[in-house]
């Protein structure tokens, strides 16, 4: 499910679509606006920074609020028809330090979203490096 989940979330970010997610096999749904997918440089886990607008909270918080989700713990995801604008007034900043290394996909503050080519979660992520020729 992880590869499919990643694809759905990156497509949702590119198209600024809300998503319904089920997290940790909890029966309740959460409605989120996914803003960034990145690999945490300390743990190596893939995280999704989302602005939760409706639905369940295990901490009984009332939406809206920001929350990172671990990709491996998202058990179901569906892209919805609702669209969103980047939540810059609510604290979203595409220049945060946590996005500098391991960024996979991020919603653009303006213009088009940025997506790294990403084939498998086990592969290294980041920009493609130029092929250097060695001199003889």
C-alpha atoms as a PDB file:
ATOM      1  CA  UNK A   1       0.000   0.000   0.000  1.00  0.00           C
ATOM      2  CA  UNK A   2       2.926   2.373   0.627  1.00  0.00           C
ATOM      3  CA  UNK A   3       3.793   2.917  -3.062  1.00  0.00           C
ATOM      4  CA  UNK A   4       0.158   3.445  -3.986  1.00  0.00           C
ATOM      5  CA  UNK A   5      -0.336   5.749  -0.993  1.00  0.00           C
ATOM      6  CA  UNK A   6       2.694   7.784  -2.002  1.00  0.00           C
ATOM      7  CA  UNK A   7       1.411   8.113  -5.559  1.00  0.00           C
ATOM      8  CA  UNK A   8      -2.046   9.243  -4.435  1.00  0.00           C
ATOM      9  CA  UNK A   9      -0.575  11.813  -2.037  1.00  0.00           C
ATOM     10  CA  UNK A  10       1.890  13.254  -4.560  1.00  0.00           C
ATOM     11  CA  UNK A  11      -0.899  13.529  -7.144  1.00  0.00           C
ATOM     12  CA  UNK A  12      -3.071  15.253  -4.528  1.00  0.00           C
ATOM     13  CA  UNK A  13      -0.285  17.735  -3.787  1.00  0.00           C
ATOM     14  CA  UNK A  14       0.283  18.430  -7.487  1.00  0.00           C
ATOM     15  CA  UNK A  15      -3.442  19.051  -7.996  1.00  0.00           C
ATOM     16  CA  UNK A  16      -4.050  20.636  -4.553  1.00  0.00           C
ATOM     17  CA  UNK A  17      -6.714  18.060  -3.723  1.00  0.00           C
ATOM     18  CA  UNK A  18      -7.920  17.203  -0.237  1.00  0.00           C
ATOM     19  CA  UNK A  19      -7.565  13.586   0.879  1.00  0.00           C
ATOM     20  CA  UNK A  20      -9.400  11.268   3.210  1.00  0.00           C
ATOM     21  CA  UNK A  21      -6.994   9.081   5.148  1.00  0.00           C
ATOM     22  CA  UNK A  22      -7.273   6.241   7.601  1.00  0.00           C
ATOM     23  CA  UNK A  23      -4.331   6.161   9.993  1.00  0.00           C
ATOM     24  CA  UNK A  24      -3.061   3.237  12.078  1.00  0.00           C
ATOM     25  CA  UNK A  25      -6.088   1.064  11.292  1.00  0.00           C
ATOM     26  CA  UNK A  26      -8.357   3.457  13.169  1.00  0.00           C
ATOM     27  CA  UNK A  27     -11.885   3.191  11.777  1.00  0.00           C
ATOM     28  CA  UNK A  28     -12.420   6.971  11.713  1.00  0.00           C
ATOM     29  CA  UNK A  29     -11.360   9.084   8.739  1.00  0.00           C
ATOM     30  CA  UNK A  30      -9.375  12.301   8.701  1.00  0.00           C
ATOM     31  CA  UNK A  31      -9.790  14.897   5.961  1.00  0.00           C
ATOM     32  CA  UNK A  32      -6.485  16.588   5.205  1.00  0.00           C
ATOM     33  CA  UNK A  33      -4.814  19.006   2.832  1.00  0.00           C
ATOM     34  CA  UNK A  34      -1.427  17.395   2.057  1.00  0.00           C
ATOM     35  CA  UNK A  35       1.324  19.984   1.634  1.00  0.00           C
ATOM     36  CA  UNK A  36       4.657  18.122   1.631  1.00  0.00           C
ATOM     37  CA  UNK A  37       6.080  14.611   1.414  1.00  0.00           C
ATOM     38  CA  UNK A  38       9.654  14.186   2.605  1.00  0.00           C
ATOM     39  CA  UNK A  39      12.077  11.752   4.194  1.00  0.00           C
ATOM     40  CA  UNK A  40      12.928  12.615   7.789  1.00  0.00           C
ATOM     41  CA  UNK A  41      16.711  12.933   7.873  1.00  0.00           C
ATOM     42  CA  UNK A  42      16.991  11.606  11.432  1.00  0.00           C
ATOM     43  CA  UNK A  43      14.741   8.533  11.270  1.00  0.00           C
ATOM     44  CA  UNK A  44      14.673   7.858   7.535  1.00  0.00           C
ATOM     45  CA  UNK A  45      10.860   7.607   7.563  1.00  0.00           C
ATOM     46  CA  UNK A  46       8.727   9.211   4.884  1.00  0.00           C
ATOM     47  CA  UNK A  47       6.430  11.839   6.382  1.00  0.00           C
ATOM     48  CA  UNK A  48       3.494  13.793   4.999  1.00  0.00           C
ATOM     49  CA  UNK A  49       2.829  17.243   6.425  1.00  0.00           C
ATOM     50  CA  UNK A  50      -0.913  17.849   6.320  1.00  0.00           C
ATOM     51  CA  UNK A  51      -3.356  20.474   7.435  1.00  0.00           C
ATOM     52  CA  UNK A  52      -6.209  18.476   8.947  1.00  0.00           C
ATOM     53  CA  UNK A  53      -9.514  20.210   8.325  1.00  0.00           C
ATOM     54  CA  UNK A  54     -12.052  17.603   9.493  1.00  0.00           C
ATOM     55  CA  UNK A  55     -12.354  14.213  11.053  1.00  0.00           C
ATOM     56  CA  UNK A  56     -10.902  12.137  13.826  1.00  0.00           C
ATOM     57  CA  UNK A  57      -8.088  13.102  16.169  1.00  0.00           C
ATOM     58  CA  UNK A  58      -6.643  10.546  18.580  1.00  0.00           C
ATOM     59  CA  UNK A  59      -5.614  13.472  20.820  1.00  0.00           C
ATOM     60  CA  UNK A  60      -9.178  14.862  20.697  1.00  0.00           C
ATOM     61  CA  UNK A  61      -7.978  18.058  19.032  1.00  0.00           C
ATOM     62  CA  UNK A  62     -10.527  20.090  17.142  1.00  0.00           C
ATOM     63  CA  UNK A  63      -9.529  20.739  13.524  1.00  0.00           C
ATOM     64  CA  UNK A  64      -8.047  22.614  11.849  1.00  0.00           C
ATOM     65  CA  UNK A  65      -4.411  21.927  12.773  1.00  0.00           C
ATOM     66  CA  UNK A  66      -1.083  20.875  11.271  1.00  0.00           C
ATOM     67  CA  UNK A  67       0.026  17.291  11.653  1.00  0.00           C
ATOM     68  CA  UNK A  68       2.747  15.106  10.183  1.00  0.00           C
ATOM     69  CA  UNK A  69       1.717  11.551   9.256  1.00  0.00           C
ATOM     70  CA  UNK A  70       4.072   8.619   8.771  1.00  0.00           C
ATOM     71  CA  UNK A  71       3.506   7.198   5.311  1.00  0.00           C
ATOM     72  CA  UNK A  72       3.861   3.605   6.518  1.00  0.00           C
ATOM     73  CA  UNK A  73       1.027   4.093   9.042  1.00  0.00           C
ATOM     74  CA  UNK A  74      -1.487   5.412   6.513  1.00  0.00           C
ATOM     75  CA  UNK A  75      -3.623   2.352   5.847  1.00  0.00           C
ATOM     76  CA  UNK A  76      -6.053   3.898   3.354  1.00  0.00           C
ATOM     77  CA  UNK A  77      -6.127   7.089   1.315  1.00  0.00           C
ATOM     78  CA  UNK A  78      -8.429   8.596  -1.284  1.00  0.00           C
ATOM     79  CA  UNK A  79      -8.147  11.837  -3.192  1.00  0.00           C
ATOM     80  CA  UNK A  80     -11.278  13.976  -2.927  1.00  0.00           C
ATOM     81  CA  UNK A  81     -12.814  16.509  -5.289  1.00  0.00           C
ATOM     82  CA  UNK A  82     -12.256  19.436  -2.921  1.00  0.00           C
ATOM     83  CA  UNK A  83      -9.267  21.653  -3.687  1.00  0.00           C
ATOM     84  CA  UNK A  84      -7.227  23.880  -1.395  1.00  0.00           C
ATOM     85  CA  UNK A  85      -4.788  26.780  -1.488  1.00  0.00           C
ATOM     86  CA  UNK A  86      -1.421  26.515   0.297  1.00  0.00           C
ATOM     87  CA  UNK A  87      -1.900  27.410   3.951  1.00  0.00           C
ATOM     88  CA  UNK A  88       0.768  30.108   4.172  1.00  0.00           C
ATOM     89  CA  UNK A  89      -1.342  32.204   6.564  1.00  0.00           C
ATOM     90  CA  UNK A  90      -1.624  29.168   8.840  1.00  0.00           C
ATOM     91  CA  UNK A  91       2.129  28.605   8.951  1.00  0.00           C
ATOM     92  CA  UNK A  92       3.076  26.647   5.844  1.00  0.00           C
ATOM     93  CA  UNK A  93       6.544  27.566   4.606  1.00  0.00           C
ATOM     94  CA  UNK A  94       8.137  25.600   1.776  1.00  0.00           C
ATOM     95  CA  UNK A  95      11.585  26.772   2.948  1.00  0.00           C
ATOM     96  CA  UNK A  96      11.497  24.934   6.297  1.00  0.00           C
ATOM     97  CA  UNK A  97      14.698  23.159   7.254  1.00  0.00           C
ATOM     98  CA  UNK A  98      12.995  19.748   7.391  1.00  0.00           C
ATOM     99  CA  UNK A  99      12.264  19.968   3.655  1.00  0.00           C
ATOM    100  CA  UNK A 100      15.860  20.705   2.626  1.00  0.00           C
ATOM    101  CA  UNK A 101      16.950  17.079   2.626  1.00  0.00           C
ATOM    102  CA  UNK A 102      14.849  14.236   1.337  1.00  0.00           C
ATOM    103  CA  UNK A 103      12.078  16.314  -0.216  1.00  0.00           C
ATOM    104  CA  UNK A 104       9.821  14.233  -2.453  1.00  0.00           C
ATOM    105  CA  UNK A 105       6.912  16.555  -3.225  1.00  0.00           C
ATOM    106  CA  UNK A 106       5.756  19.945  -1.998  1.00  0.00           C
ATOM    107  CA  UNK A 107       2.858  22.216  -2.832  1.00  0.00           C
ATOM    108  CA  UNK A 108       4.053  25.479  -4.321  1.00  0.00           C
ATOM    109  CA  UNK A 109       3.318  28.736  -2.552  1.00  0.00           C
ATOM    110  CA  UNK A 110       2.756  30.105  -6.028  1.00  0.00           C
ATOM    111  CA  UNK A 111       3.062  28.509  -9.431  1.00  0.00           C
ATOM    112  CA  UNK A 112       3.473  24.779  -9.999  1.00  0.00           C
ATOM    113  CA  UNK A 113       4.247  22.227  -7.282  1.00  0.00           C
ATOM    114  CA  UNK A 114       7.665  20.625  -7.121  1.00  0.00           C
ATOM    115  CA  UNK A 115       7.986  16.842  -7.390  1.00  0.00           C
ATOM    116  CA  UNK A 116      11.195  14.828  -7.429  1.00  0.00           C
ATOM    117  CA  UNK A 117      11.268  11.747  -9.654  1.00  0.00           C
ATOM    118  CA  UNK A 118      10.587   8.944  -7.209  1.00  0.00           C
ATOM    119  CA  UNK A 119      10.276   5.302  -8.094  1.00  0.00           C
ATOM    120  CA  UNK A 120      10.558   3.274  -4.899  1.00  0.00           C
ATOM    121  CA  UNK A 121      10.505   4.193  -1.228  1.00  0.00           C
ATOM    122  CA  UNK A 122      13.743   2.279  -0.692  1.00  0.00           C
ATOM    123  CA  UNK A 123      15.617   4.407  -3.201  1.00  0.00           C
ATOM    124  CA  UNK A 124      17.471   7.591  -2.371  1.00  0.00           C
ATOM    125  CA  UNK A 125      15.438  10.702  -3.002  1.00  0.00           C
ATOM    126  CA  UNK A 126      16.547  14.099  -4.187  1.00  0.00           C
ATOM    127  CA  UNK A 127      17.482  15.863  -7.375  1.00  0.00           C
ATOM    128  CA  UNK A 128      19.080  13.886 -10.149  1.00  0.00           C
ATOM    129  CA  UNK A 129      22.800  14.539 -10.183  1.00  0.00           C
ATOM    130  CA  UNK A 130      24.569  15.336 -13.456  1.00  0.00           C
ATOM    131  CA  UNK A 131      26.638  12.583 -15.007  1.00  0.00           C
ATOM    132  CA  UNK A 132      30.294  13.632 -14.810  1.00  0.00           C
ATOM    133  CA  UNK A 133      32.758  12.439 -17.371  1.00  0.00           C
ATOM    134  CA  UNK A 134      36.164  11.414 -16.173  1.00  0.00           C
ATOM    135  CA  UNK A 135      39.173  12.706 -18.037  1.00  0.00           C
ATOM    136  CA  UNK A 136      41.731  10.284 -19.308  1.00  0.00           C
END
